[in-house]
Full PDB file with SEQRES, HELIX, SHEET, SSBOND, CRYST1, ORIGX, SCALE, CONECT and MASTER records, all heavy atoms in Angstrom:
SEQRES   1 A   43  SER PRO ARG LEU PRO SER GLN ARG TYR LEU ASP VAL MET          
SEQRES   2 A   43  SER ARG ALA TYR ALA ALA GLY CYS SER ILE LYS ARG ALA          
SEQRES   3 A   43  GLY SER GLY THR LEU GLY LEU CYS ASN VAL ALA ASN GLY          
SEQRES   4 A   43  ARG THR ASP GLY                                              
HELIX    1 AA1 SER A    6  ALA A   18  1                                  13    
HELIX    2 AA2 GLY A   29  ALA A   37  1                                   9    
CRYST1    1.000    1.000    1.000  90.00  90.00  90.00 P 1           1          
ORIGX1      1.000000  0.000000  0.000000        0.00000                         
ORIGX2      0.000000  1.000000  0.000000        0.00000                         
ORIGX3      0.000000  0.000000  1.000000        0.00000                         
SCALE1      1.000000  0.000000  0.000000        0.00000                         
SCALE2      0.000000  1.000000  0.000000        0.00000                         
SCALE3      0.000000  0.000000  1.000000        0.00000                         
ATOM      1  N   SER A   1      87.692  52.659  37.398  1.00  0.00           N  
ATOM      2  CA  SER A   1      87.037  53.759  36.732  1.00  0.00           C  
ATOM      3  C   SER A   1      86.209  54.518  37.698  1.00  0.00           C  
ATOM      4  O   SER A   1      85.505  53.874  38.529  1.00  0.00           O  
ATOM      5  CB  SER A   1      86.124  53.274  35.572  1.00  0.00           C  
ATOM      6  OG  SER A   1      85.245  54.295  35.109  1.00  0.00           O  
ATOM      7  N   PRO A   2      86.182  55.874  37.618  1.00  0.00           N  
ATOM      8  CA  PRO A   2      85.292  56.612  38.544  1.00  0.00           C  
ATOM      9  C   PRO A   2      83.833  56.452  38.174  1.00  0.00           C  
ATOM     10  O   PRO A   2      82.980  57.034  38.867  1.00  0.00           O  
ATOM     11  CB  PRO A   2      85.789  58.097  38.358  1.00  0.00           C  
ATOM     12  CG  PRO A   2      86.376  58.117  37.050  1.00  0.00           C  
ATOM     13  CD  PRO A   2      87.027  56.698  36.790  1.00  0.00           C  
ATOM     14  N   ARG A   3      83.496  55.795  37.166  1.00  0.00           N  
ATOM     15  CA  ARG A   3      82.069  55.590  36.742  1.00  0.00           C  
ATOM     16  C   ARG A   3      81.307  54.719  37.767  1.00  0.00           C  
ATOM     17  O   ARG A   3      80.092  54.751  37.818  1.00  0.00           O  
ATOM     18  CB  ARG A   3      82.011  54.916  35.369  1.00  0.00           C  
ATOM     19  CG  ARG A   3      82.442  55.842  34.263  1.00  0.00           C  
ATOM     20  CD  ARG A   3      82.155  55.175  32.897  1.00  0.00           C  
ATOM     21  NE  ARG A   3      83.030  54.023  32.671  1.00  0.00           N  
ATOM     22  CZ  ARG A   3      84.250  54.082  32.133  1.00  0.00           C  
ATOM     23  NH1 ARG A   3      84.787  55.222  31.765  1.00  0.00           N  
ATOM     24  NH2 ARG A   3      84.954  52.956  31.927  1.00  0.00           N  
ATOM     25  N   LEU A   4      82.071  53.905  38.542  1.00  0.00           N  
ATOM     26  CA  LEU A   4      81.384  53.113  39.597  1.00  0.00           C  
ATOM     27  C   LEU A   4      81.981  53.454  40.926  1.00  0.00           C  
ATOM     28  O   LEU A   4      83.077  53.957  41.089  1.00  0.00           O  
ATOM     29  CB  LEU A   4      81.689  51.604  39.295  1.00  0.00           C  
ATOM     30  CG  LEU A   4      81.213  51.031  38.017  1.00  0.00           C  
ATOM     31  CD1 LEU A   4      81.624  49.593  37.914  1.00  0.00           C  
ATOM     32  CD2 LEU A   4      79.636  51.132  38.026  1.00  0.00           C  
ATOM     33  N   PRO A   5      81.142  53.167  41.999  1.00  0.00           N  
ATOM     34  CA  PRO A   5      81.650  53.500  43.379  1.00  0.00           C  
ATOM     35  C   PRO A   5      82.980  52.767  43.695  1.00  0.00           C  
ATOM     36  O   PRO A   5      83.156  51.597  43.405  1.00  0.00           O  
ATOM     37  CB  PRO A   5      80.510  53.052  44.259  1.00  0.00           C  
ATOM     38  CG  PRO A   5      79.317  53.003  43.359  1.00  0.00           C  
ATOM     39  CD  PRO A   5      79.798  52.636  42.033  1.00  0.00           C  
ATOM     40  N   SER A   6      83.849  53.474  44.367  1.00  0.00           N  
ATOM     41  CA  SER A   6      85.167  52.914  44.682  1.00  0.00           C  
ATOM     42  C   SER A   6      84.963  51.642  45.575  1.00  0.00           C  
ATOM     43  O   SER A   6      85.846  50.789  45.499  1.00  0.00           O  
ATOM     44  CB  SER A   6      86.033  53.959  45.415  1.00  0.00           C  
ATOM     45  OG  SER A   6      86.312  55.044  44.554  1.00  0.00           O  
ATOM     46  N   GLN A   7      84.007  51.617  46.419  1.00  0.00           N  
ATOM     47  CA  GLN A   7      83.829  50.455  47.317  1.00  0.00           C  
ATOM     48  C   GLN A   7      83.670  49.173  46.548  1.00  0.00           C  
ATOM     49  O   GLN A   7      84.207  48.111  47.046  1.00  0.00           O  
ATOM     50  CB  GLN A   7      82.623  50.696  48.217  1.00  0.00           C  
ATOM     51  CG  GLN A   7      82.467  49.633  49.315  1.00  0.00           C  
ATOM     52  CD  GLN A   7      83.695  49.651  50.230  1.00  0.00           C  
ATOM     53  OE1 GLN A   7      84.102  50.644  50.665  1.00  0.00           O  
ATOM     54  NE2 GLN A   7      84.312  48.490  50.500  1.00  0.00           N  
ATOM     55  N   ARG A   8      83.146  49.185  45.321  1.00  0.00           N  
ATOM     56  CA  ARG A   8      83.026  47.920  44.651  1.00  0.00           C  
ATOM     57  C   ARG A   8      84.410  47.404  44.153  1.00  0.00           C  
ATOM     58  O   ARG A   8      84.649  46.183  44.253  1.00  0.00           O  
ATOM     59  CB  ARG A   8      82.182  48.124  43.361  1.00  0.00           C  
ATOM     60  CG  ARG A   8      80.690  48.396  43.655  1.00  0.00           C  
ATOM     61  CD  ARG A   8      79.828  48.467  42.446  1.00  0.00           C  
ATOM     62  NE  ARG A   8      79.931  47.228  41.631  1.00  0.00           N  
ATOM     63  CZ  ARG A   8      79.359  47.128  40.458  1.00  0.00           C  
ATOM     64  NH1 ARG A   8      78.575  48.056  39.977  1.00  0.00           N  
ATOM     65  NH2 ARG A   8      79.450  45.973  39.767  1.00  0.00           N  
ATOM     66  N   TYR A   9      85.301  48.305  43.838  1.00  0.00           N  
ATOM     67  CA  TYR A   9      86.667  47.900  43.500  1.00  0.00           C  
ATOM     68  C   TYR A   9      87.400  47.419  44.781  1.00  0.00           C  
ATOM     69  O   TYR A   9      88.148  46.456  44.721  1.00  0.00           O  
ATOM     70  CB  TYR A   9      87.417  49.029  42.882  1.00  0.00           C  
ATOM     71  CG  TYR A   9      86.890  49.309  41.441  1.00  0.00           C  
ATOM     72  CD1 TYR A   9      85.979  50.301  41.260  1.00  0.00           C  
ATOM     73  CD2 TYR A   9      87.356  48.579  40.400  1.00  0.00           C  
ATOM     74  CE1 TYR A   9      85.494  50.556  39.968  1.00  0.00           C  
ATOM     75  CE2 TYR A   9      86.924  48.899  39.059  1.00  0.00           C  
ATOM     76  CZ  TYR A   9      85.995  49.875  38.894  1.00  0.00           C  
ATOM     77  OH  TYR A   9      85.532  50.159  37.643  1.00  0.00           O  
ATOM     78  N   LEU A  10      87.196  48.087  45.871  1.00  0.00           N  
ATOM     79  CA  LEU A  10      87.853  47.699  47.163  1.00  0.00           C  
ATOM     80  C   LEU A  10      87.374  46.326  47.594  1.00  0.00           C  
ATOM     81  O   LEU A  10      88.157  45.540  48.103  1.00  0.00           O  
ATOM     82  CB  LEU A  10      87.538  48.764  48.204  1.00  0.00           C  
ATOM     83  CG  LEU A  10      88.213  50.136  47.945  1.00  0.00           C  
ATOM     84  CD1 LEU A  10      87.676  51.169  49.017  1.00  0.00           C  
ATOM     85  CD2 LEU A  10      89.695  50.081  47.994  1.00  0.00           C  
ATOM     86  N   ASP A  11      86.088  46.080  47.323  1.00  0.00           N  
ATOM     87  CA  ASP A  11      85.539  44.706  47.744  1.00  0.00           C  
ATOM     88  C   ASP A  11      86.231  43.627  46.931  1.00  0.00           C  
ATOM     89  O   ASP A  11      86.553  42.535  47.358  1.00  0.00           O  
ATOM     90  CB  ASP A  11      84.060  44.676  47.507  1.00  0.00           C  
ATOM     91  CG  ASP A  11      83.216  45.503  48.493  1.00  0.00           C  
ATOM     92  OD1 ASP A  11      83.864  45.895  49.537  1.00  0.00           O  
ATOM     93  OD2 ASP A  11      82.111  45.824  48.253  1.00  0.00           O  
ATOM     94  N   VAL A  12      86.422  43.922  45.558  1.00  0.00           N  
ATOM     95  CA  VAL A  12      87.128  42.907  44.774  1.00  0.00           C  
ATOM     96  C   VAL A  12      88.552  42.712  45.247  1.00  0.00           C  
ATOM     97  O   VAL A  12      89.004  41.555  45.358  1.00  0.00           O  
ATOM     98  CB  VAL A  12      87.101  43.300  43.262  1.00  0.00           C  
ATOM     99  CG1 VAL A  12      87.947  42.392  42.419  1.00  0.00           C  
ATOM    100  CG2 VAL A  12      85.697  43.359  42.732  1.00  0.00           C  
ATOM    101  N   MET A  13      89.249  43.778  45.471  1.00  0.00           N  
ATOM    102  CA  MET A  13      90.642  43.699  46.021  1.00  0.00           C  
ATOM    103  C   MET A  13      90.665  42.877  47.297  1.00  0.00           C  
ATOM    104  O   MET A  13      91.532  42.063  47.440  1.00  0.00           O  
ATOM    105  CB  MET A  13      91.211  45.124  46.222  1.00  0.00           C  
ATOM    106  CG  MET A  13      91.466  45.860  44.933  1.00  0.00           C  
ATOM    107  SD  MET A  13      92.064  47.569  45.254  1.00  0.00           S  
ATOM    108  CE  MET A  13      93.584  47.196  46.074  1.00  0.00           C  
ATOM    109  N   SER A  14      89.722  43.127  48.244  1.00  0.00           N  
ATOM    110  CA  SER A  14      89.737  42.458  49.487  1.00  0.00           C  
ATOM    111  C   SER A  14      89.527  40.921  49.212  1.00  0.00           C  
ATOM    112  O   SER A  14      90.250  40.112  49.929  1.00  0.00           O  
ATOM    113  CB  SER A  14      88.546  42.965  50.345  1.00  0.00           C  
ATOM    114  OG  SER A  14      88.514  42.256  51.603  1.00  0.00           O  
ATOM    115  N   ARG A  15      88.661  40.561  48.394  1.00  0.00           N  
ATOM    116  CA  ARG A  15      88.453  39.115  48.152  1.00  0.00           C  
ATOM    117  C   ARG A  15      89.674  38.526  47.458  1.00  0.00           C  
ATOM    118  O   ARG A  15      90.025  37.360  47.751  1.00  0.00           O  
ATOM    119  CB  ARG A  15      87.242  38.915  47.229  1.00  0.00           C  
ATOM    120  CG  ARG A  15      85.859  39.264  47.977  1.00  0.00           C  
ATOM    121  CD  ARG A  15      84.690  38.740  47.152  1.00  0.00           C  
ATOM    122  NE  ARG A  15      84.560  39.452  45.937  1.00  0.00           N  
ATOM    123  CZ  ARG A  15      83.759  40.481  45.729  1.00  0.00           C  
ATOM    124  NH1 ARG A  15      83.159  41.065  46.790  1.00  0.00           N  
ATOM    125  NH2 ARG A  15      83.579  41.079  44.593  1.00  0.00           N  
ATOM    126  N   ALA A  16      90.291  39.280  46.537  1.00  0.00           N  
ATOM    127  CA  ALA A  16      91.487  38.735  45.877  1.00  0.00           C  
ATOM    128  C   ALA A  16      92.615  38.548  46.839  1.00  0.00           C  
ATOM    129  O   ALA A  16      93.290  37.482  46.870  1.00  0.00           O  
ATOM    130  CB  ALA A  16      91.909  39.688  44.743  1.00  0.00           C  
ATOM    131  N   TYR A  17      92.830  39.537  47.716  1.00  0.00           N  
ATOM    132  CA  TYR A  17      93.988  39.394  48.661  1.00  0.00           C  
ATOM    133  C   TYR A  17      93.679  38.234  49.663  1.00  0.00           C  
ATOM    134  O   TYR A  17      94.545  37.516  50.048  1.00  0.00           O  
ATOM    135  CB  TYR A  17      94.130  40.706  49.461  1.00  0.00           C  
ATOM    136  CG  TYR A  17      94.877  41.790  48.665  1.00  0.00           C  
ATOM    137  CD1 TYR A  17      94.406  43.108  48.663  1.00  0.00           C  
ATOM    138  CD2 TYR A  17      96.085  41.481  47.994  1.00  0.00           C  
ATOM    139  CE1 TYR A  17      95.091  44.073  47.938  1.00  0.00           C  
ATOM    140  CE2 TYR A  17      96.717  42.407  47.275  1.00  0.00           C  
ATOM    141  CZ  TYR A  17      96.265  43.732  47.297  1.00  0.00           C  
ATOM    142  OH  TYR A  17      96.963  44.671  46.536  1.00  0.00           O  
ATOM    143  N   ALA A  18      92.411  38.090  50.100  1.00  0.00           N  
ATOM    144  CA  ALA A  18      92.009  37.025  51.008  1.00  0.00           C  
ATOM    145  C   ALA A  18      92.279  35.654  50.364  1.00  0.00           C  
ATOM    146  O   ALA A  18      92.598  34.674  51.074  1.00  0.00           O  
ATOM    147  CB  ALA A  18      90.564  37.198  51.389  1.00  0.00           C  
ATOM    148  N   ALA A  19      92.177  35.613  49.075  1.00  0.00           N  
ATOM    149  CA  ALA A  19      92.395  34.312  48.388  1.00  0.00           C  
ATOM    150  C   ALA A  19      93.851  34.104  48.122  1.00  0.00           C  
ATOM    151  O   ALA A  19      94.276  32.944  47.712  1.00  0.00           O  
ATOM    152  CB  ALA A  19      91.612  34.287  47.035  1.00  0.00           C  
ATOM    153  N   GLY A  20      94.676  35.064  48.376  1.00  0.00           N  
ATOM    154  CA  GLY A  20      96.130  34.874  48.196  1.00  0.00           C  
ATOM    155  C   GLY A  20      96.660  35.417  46.840  1.00  0.00           C  
ATOM    156  O   GLY A  20      97.833  35.153  46.467  1.00  0.00           O  
ATOM    157  N   CYS A  21      95.742  36.181  46.138  1.00  0.00           N  
ATOM    158  CA  CYS A  21      96.136  36.663  44.811  1.00  0.00           C  
ATOM    159  C   CYS A  21      96.850  38.004  44.899  1.00  0.00           C  
ATOM    160  O   CYS A  21      96.427  38.828  45.671  1.00  0.00           O  
ATOM    161  CB  CYS A  21      94.864  36.760  43.963  1.00  0.00           C  
ATOM    162  SG  CYS A  21      95.132  37.215  42.243  1.00  0.00           S  
ATOM    163  N   SER A  22      97.887  38.217  44.068  1.00  0.00           N  
ATOM    164  CA  SER A  22      98.534  39.556  43.998  1.00  0.00           C  
ATOM    165  C   SER A  22      97.704  40.420  43.045  1.00  0.00           C  
ATOM    166  O   SER A  22      97.102  39.986  42.128  1.00  0.00           O  
ATOM    167  CB  SER A  22      99.896  39.380  43.445  1.00  0.00           C  
ATOM    168  OG  SER A  22     100.512  40.618  43.176  1.00  0.00           O  
ATOM    169  N   ILE A  23      97.685  41.730  43.411  1.00  0.00           N  
ATOM    170  CA  ILE A  23      96.904  42.772  42.618  1.00  0.00           C  
ATOM    171  C   ILE A  23      97.883  43.887  42.149  1.00  0.00           C  
ATOM    172  O   ILE A  23      98.774  44.216  42.825  1.00  0.00           O  
ATOM    173  CB  ILE A  23      95.860  43.465  43.448  1.00  0.00           C  
ATOM    174  CG1 ILE A  23      94.786  42.454  43.907  1.00  0.00           C  
ATOM    175  CG2 ILE A  23      95.171  44.519  42.659  1.00  0.00           C  
ATOM    176  CD1 ILE A  23      93.867  41.968  42.818  1.00  0.00           C  
ATOM    177  N   LYS A  24      97.651  44.302  40.839  1.00  0.00           N  
ATOM    178  CA  LYS A  24      98.432  45.392  40.340  1.00  0.00           C  
ATOM    179  C   LYS A  24      97.550  46.173  39.397  1.00  0.00           C  
ATOM    180  O   LYS A  24      96.436  45.789  38.975  1.00  0.00           O  
ATOM    181  CB  LYS A  24      99.699  44.915  39.670  1.00  0.00           C  
ATOM    182  CG  LYS A  24      99.494  44.233  38.347  1.00  0.00           C  
ATOM    183  CD  LYS A  24     100.828  43.870  37.707  1.00  0.00           C  
ATOM    184  CE  LYS A  24     100.758  43.197  36.403  1.00  0.00           C  
ATOM    185  NZ  LYS A  24     102.070  42.919  35.720  1.00  0.00           N  
ATOM    186  N   ARG A  25      98.040  47.415  39.067  1.00  0.00           N  
ATOM    187  CA  ARG A  25      97.310  48.255  38.078  1.00  0.00           C  
ATOM    188  C   ARG A  25      98.358  49.084  37.356  1.00  0.00           C  
ATOM    189  O   ARG A  25      99.217  49.691  37.974  1.00  0.00           O  
ATOM    190  CB  ARG A  25      96.262  49.171  38.821  1.00  0.00           C  
ATOM    191  CG  ARG A  25      95.510  50.099  37.800  1.00  0.00           C  
ATOM    192  CD  ARG A  25      94.414  50.899  38.428  1.00  0.00           C  
ATOM    193  NE  ARG A  25      93.749  51.623  37.402  1.00  0.00           N  
ATOM    194  CZ  ARG A  25      94.064  52.878  37.057  1.00  0.00           C  
ATOM    195  NH1 ARG A  25      94.945  53.555  37.663  1.00  0.00           N  
ATOM    196  NH2 ARG A  25      93.313  53.485  36.121  1.00  0.00           N  
ATOM    197  N   ALA A  26      98.287  49.049  36.024  1.00  0.00           N  
ATOM    198  CA  ALA A  26      99.266  49.751  35.223  1.00  0.00           C  
ATOM    199  C   ALA A  26      98.734  50.873  34.337  1.00  0.00           C  
ATOM    200  O   ALA A  26      99.437  51.574  33.634  1.00  0.00           O  
ATOM    201  CB  ALA A  26     100.044  48.748  34.335  1.00  0.00           C  
ATOM    202  N   GLY A  27      97.383  51.053  34.290  1.00  0.00           N  
ATOM    203  CA  GLY A  27      96.808  52.227  33.601  1.00  0.00           C  
ATOM    204  C   GLY A  27      96.447  52.124  32.205  1.00  0.00           C  
ATOM    205  O   GLY A  27      96.057  53.104  31.599  1.00  0.00           O  
ATOM    206  N   SER A  28      96.518  50.912  31.588  1.00  0.00           N  
ATOM    207  CA  SER A  28      96.014  50.724  30.222  1.00  0.00           C  
ATOM    208  C   SER A  28      95.251  49.381  30.176  1.00  0.00           C  
ATOM    209  O   SER A  28      95.897  48.323  30.301  1.00  0.00           O  
ATOM    210  CB  SER A  28      97.243  50.648  29.186  1.00  0.00           C  
ATOM    211  OG  SER A  28      96.803  50.161  27.938  1.00  0.00           O  
ATOM    212  N   GLY A  29      93.965  49.444  29.969  1.00  0.00           N  
ATOM    213  CA  GLY A  29      93.170  48.208  29.934  1.00  0.00           C  
ATOM    214  C   GLY A  29      93.554  47.342  28.786  1.00  0.00           C  
ATOM    215  O   GLY A  29      93.644  46.167  28.906  1.00  0.00           O  
ATOM    216  N   THR A  30      93.884  47.993  27.685  1.00  0.00           N  
ATOM    217  CA  THR A  30      94.258  47.156  26.479  1.00  0.00           C  
ATOM    218  C   THR A  30      95.491  46.417  26.796  1.00  0.00           C  
ATOM    219  O   THR A  30      95.536  45.145  26.462  1.00  0.00           O  
ATOM    220  CB  THR A  30      94.377  48.074  25.257  1.00  0.00           C  
ATOM    221  OG1 THR A  30      93.186  48.773  24.923  1.00  0.00           O  
ATOM    222  CG2 THR A  30      94.787  47.252  24.042  1.00  0.00           C  
ATOM    223  N   LEU A  31      96.458  47.046  27.283  1.00  0.00           N  
ATOM    224  CA  LEU A  31      97.739  46.337  27.578  1.00  0.00           C  
ATOM    225  C   LEU A  31      97.577  45.349  28.654  1.00  0.00           C  
ATOM    226  O   LEU A  31      98.296  44.384  28.785  1.00  0.00           O  
ATOM    227  CB  LEU A  31      98.880  47.294  27.887  1.00  0.00           C  
ATOM    228  CG  LEU A  31      99.440  48.076  26.684  1.00  0.00           C  
ATOM    229  CD1 LEU A  31     100.538  49.023  27.104  1.00  0.00           C  
ATOM    230  CD2 LEU A  31      99.970  47.121  25.574  1.00  0.00           C  
ATOM    231  N   GLY A  32      96.581  45.677  29.605  1.00  0.00           N  
ATOM    232  CA  GLY A  32      96.274  44.674  30.671  1.00  0.00           C  
ATOM    233  C   GLY A  32      95.825  43.364  30.019  1.00  0.00           C  
ATOM    234  O   GLY A  32      96.216  42.249  30.544  1.00  0.00           O  
ATOM    235  N   LEU A  33      94.980  43.413  28.986  1.00  0.00           N  
ATOM    236  CA  LEU A  33      94.553  42.240  28.361  1.00  0.00           C  
ATOM    237  C   LEU A  33      95.727  41.540  27.642  1.00  0.00           C  
ATOM    238  O   LEU A  33      95.875  40.265  27.721  1.00  0.00           O  
ATOM    239  CB  LEU A  33      93.409  42.492  27.359  1.00  0.00           C  
ATOM    240  CG  LEU A  33      92.032  42.432  27.903  1.00  0.00           C  
ATOM    241  CD1 LEU A  33      91.756  43.491  28.920  1.00  0.00           C  
ATOM    242  CD2 LEU A  33      90.996  42.486  26.777  1.00  0.00           C  
ATOM    243  N   CYS A  34      96.516  42.333  26.931  1.00  0.00           N  
ATOM    244  CA  CYS A  34      97.674  41.835  26.255  1.00  0.00           C  
ATOM    245  C   CYS A  34      98.700  41.089  27.166  1.00  0.00           C  
ATOM    246  O   CYS A  34      99.258  40.066  26.768  1.00  0.00           O  
ATOM    247  CB  CYS A  34      98.401  42.850  25.444  1.00  0.00           C  
ATOM    248  SG  CYS A  34      97.487  43.544  24.083  1.00  0.00           S  
ATOM    249  N   ASN A  35      98.831  41.666  28.385  1.00  0.00           N  
ATOM    250  CA  ASN A  35      99.743  41.041  29.357  1.00  0.00           C  
ATOM    251  C   ASN A  35      99.229  39.677  29.892  1.00  0.00           C  
ATOM    252  O   ASN A  35      99.981  38.862  30.320  1.00  0.00           O  
ATOM    253  CB  ASN A  35     100.076  41.979  30.454  1.00  0.00           C  
ATOM    254  CG  ASN A  35     100.999  43.073  30.077  1.00  0.00           C  
ATOM    255  OD1 ASN A  35     101.797  42.870  29.132  1.00  0.00           O  
ATOM    256  ND2 ASN A  35     100.900  44.251  30.682  1.00  0.00           N  
ATOM    257  N   VAL A  36      97.925  39.447  29.860  1.00  0.00           N  
ATOM    258  CA  VAL A  36      97.386  38.115  30.137  1.00  0.00           C  
ATOM    259  C   VAL A  36      97.760  37.240  28.966  1.00  0.00           C  
ATOM    260  O   VAL A  36      98.182  36.062  29.142  1.00  0.00           O  
ATOM    261  CB  VAL A  36      95.903  38.175  30.319  1.00  0.00           C  
ATOM    262  CG1 VAL A  36      95.281  36.756  30.480  1.00  0.00           C  
ATOM    263  CG2 VAL A  36      95.532  39.025  31.604  1.00  0.00           C  
ATOM    264  N   ALA A  37      97.558  37.732  27.730  1.00  0.00           N  
ATOM    265  CA  ALA A  37      97.791  36.903  26.555  1.00  0.00           C  
ATOM    266  C   ALA A  37      99.291  36.423  26.513  1.00  0.00           C  
ATOM    267  O   ALA A  37      99.527  35.363  26.068  1.00  0.00           O  
ATOM    268  CB  ALA A  37      97.485  37.669  25.318  1.00  0.00           C  
ATOM    269  N   ASN A  38     100.198  37.236  26.922  1.00  0.00           N  
ATOM    270  CA  ASN A  38     101.644  36.833  26.813  1.00  0.00           C  
ATOM    271  C   ASN A  38     102.185  36.243  28.141  1.00  0.00           C  
ATOM    272  O   ASN A  38     103.353  35.983  28.194  1.00  0.00           O  
ATOM    273  CB  ASN A  38     102.483  38.010  26.382  1.00  0.00           C  
ATOM    274  CG  ASN A  38     102.517  39.168  27.390  1.00  0.00           C  
ATOM    275  OD1 ASN A  38     102.428  38.943  28.607  1.00  0.00           O  
ATOM    276  ND2 ASN A  38     102.720  40.431  26.927  1.00  0.00           N  
ATOM    277  N   GLY A  39     101.247  36.025  29.155  1.00  0.00           N  
ATOM    278  CA  GLY A  39     101.637  35.347  30.289  1.00  0.00           C  
ATOM    279  C   GLY A  39     102.353  36.184  31.386  1.00  0.00           C  
ATOM    280  O   GLY A  39     102.789  35.634  32.402  1.00  0.00           O  
ATOM    281  N   ARG A  40     102.431  37.438  31.218  1.00  0.00           N  
ATOM    282  CA  ARG A  40     102.973  38.327  32.222  1.00  0.00           C  
ATOM    283  C   ARG A  40     102.139  38.410  33.456  1.00  0.00           C  
ATOM    284  O   ARG A  40     102.660  38.664  34.539  1.00  0.00           O  
ATOM    285  CB  ARG A  40     103.255  39.738  31.613  1.00  0.00           C  
ATOM    286  CG  ARG A  40     104.322  39.717  30.554  1.00  0.00           C  
ATOM    287  CD  ARG A  40     104.463  41.104  29.936  1.00  0.00           C  
ATOM    288  NE  ARG A  40     105.403  41.065  28.796  1.00  0.00           N  
ATOM    289  CZ  ARG A  40     105.456  41.968  27.878  1.00  0.00           C  
ATOM    290  NH1 ARG A  40     104.651  43.039  27.902  1.00  0.00           N  
ATOM    291  NH2 ARG A  40     106.359  41.920  26.909  1.00  0.00           N  
ATOM    292  N   THR A  41     100.836  38.363  33.257  1.00  0.00           N  
ATOM    293  CA  THR A  41      99.902  38.265  34.399  1.00  0.00           C  
ATOM    294  C   THR A  41      98.897  37.117  34.115  1.00  0.00           C  
ATOM    295  O   THR A  41      98.883  36.613  32.984  1.00  0.00           O  
ATOM    296  CB  THR A  41      99.099  39.639  34.573  1.00  0.00           C  
ATOM    297  OG1 THR A  41      98.358  39.866  33.340  1.00  0.00           O  
ATOM    298  CG2 THR A  41      99.992  40.743  34.895  1.00  0.00           C  
ATOM    299  N   ASP A  42      98.163  36.773  35.124  1.00  0.00           N  
ATOM    300  CA  ASP A  42      97.234  35.639  34.980  1.00  0.00           C  
ATOM    301  C   ASP A  42      95.799  36.052  34.745  1.00  0.00           C  
ATOM    302  O   ASP A  42      94.939  35.199  34.383  1.00  0.00           O  
ATOM    303  CB  ASP A  42      97.367  34.782  36.224  1.00  0.00           C  
ATOM    304  CG  ASP A  42      98.794  34.349  36.490  1.00  0.00           C  
ATOM    305  OD1 ASP A  42      99.430  33.727  35.642  1.00  0.00           O  
ATOM    306  OD2 ASP A  42      99.279  34.730  37.601  1.00  0.00           O  
ATOM    307  N   GLY A  43      95.471  37.314  34.940  1.00  0.00           N  
ATOM    308  CA  GLY A  43      94.087  37.786  34.751  1.00  0.00           C  
ATOM    309  C   GLY A  43      94.044  39.247  34.704  1.00  0.00           C  
ATOM    310  O   GLY A  43      94.903  39.967  35.220  1.00  0.00           O  
TER     311      GLY A  43                                                      
MASTER        0    0    0    2    0    0    0    6  310    1    0    4          
END                                                                             
């Protein structure tokens, strides 16, 4: 969201990649949660 500085998101991405986690974005927060519920993503 542009409500927060982009650097904060980049920092999260950097930590996730460093831990070996894959990152994606699909553009719907609600469906993002649903995709965790059905096991398509892990978080």
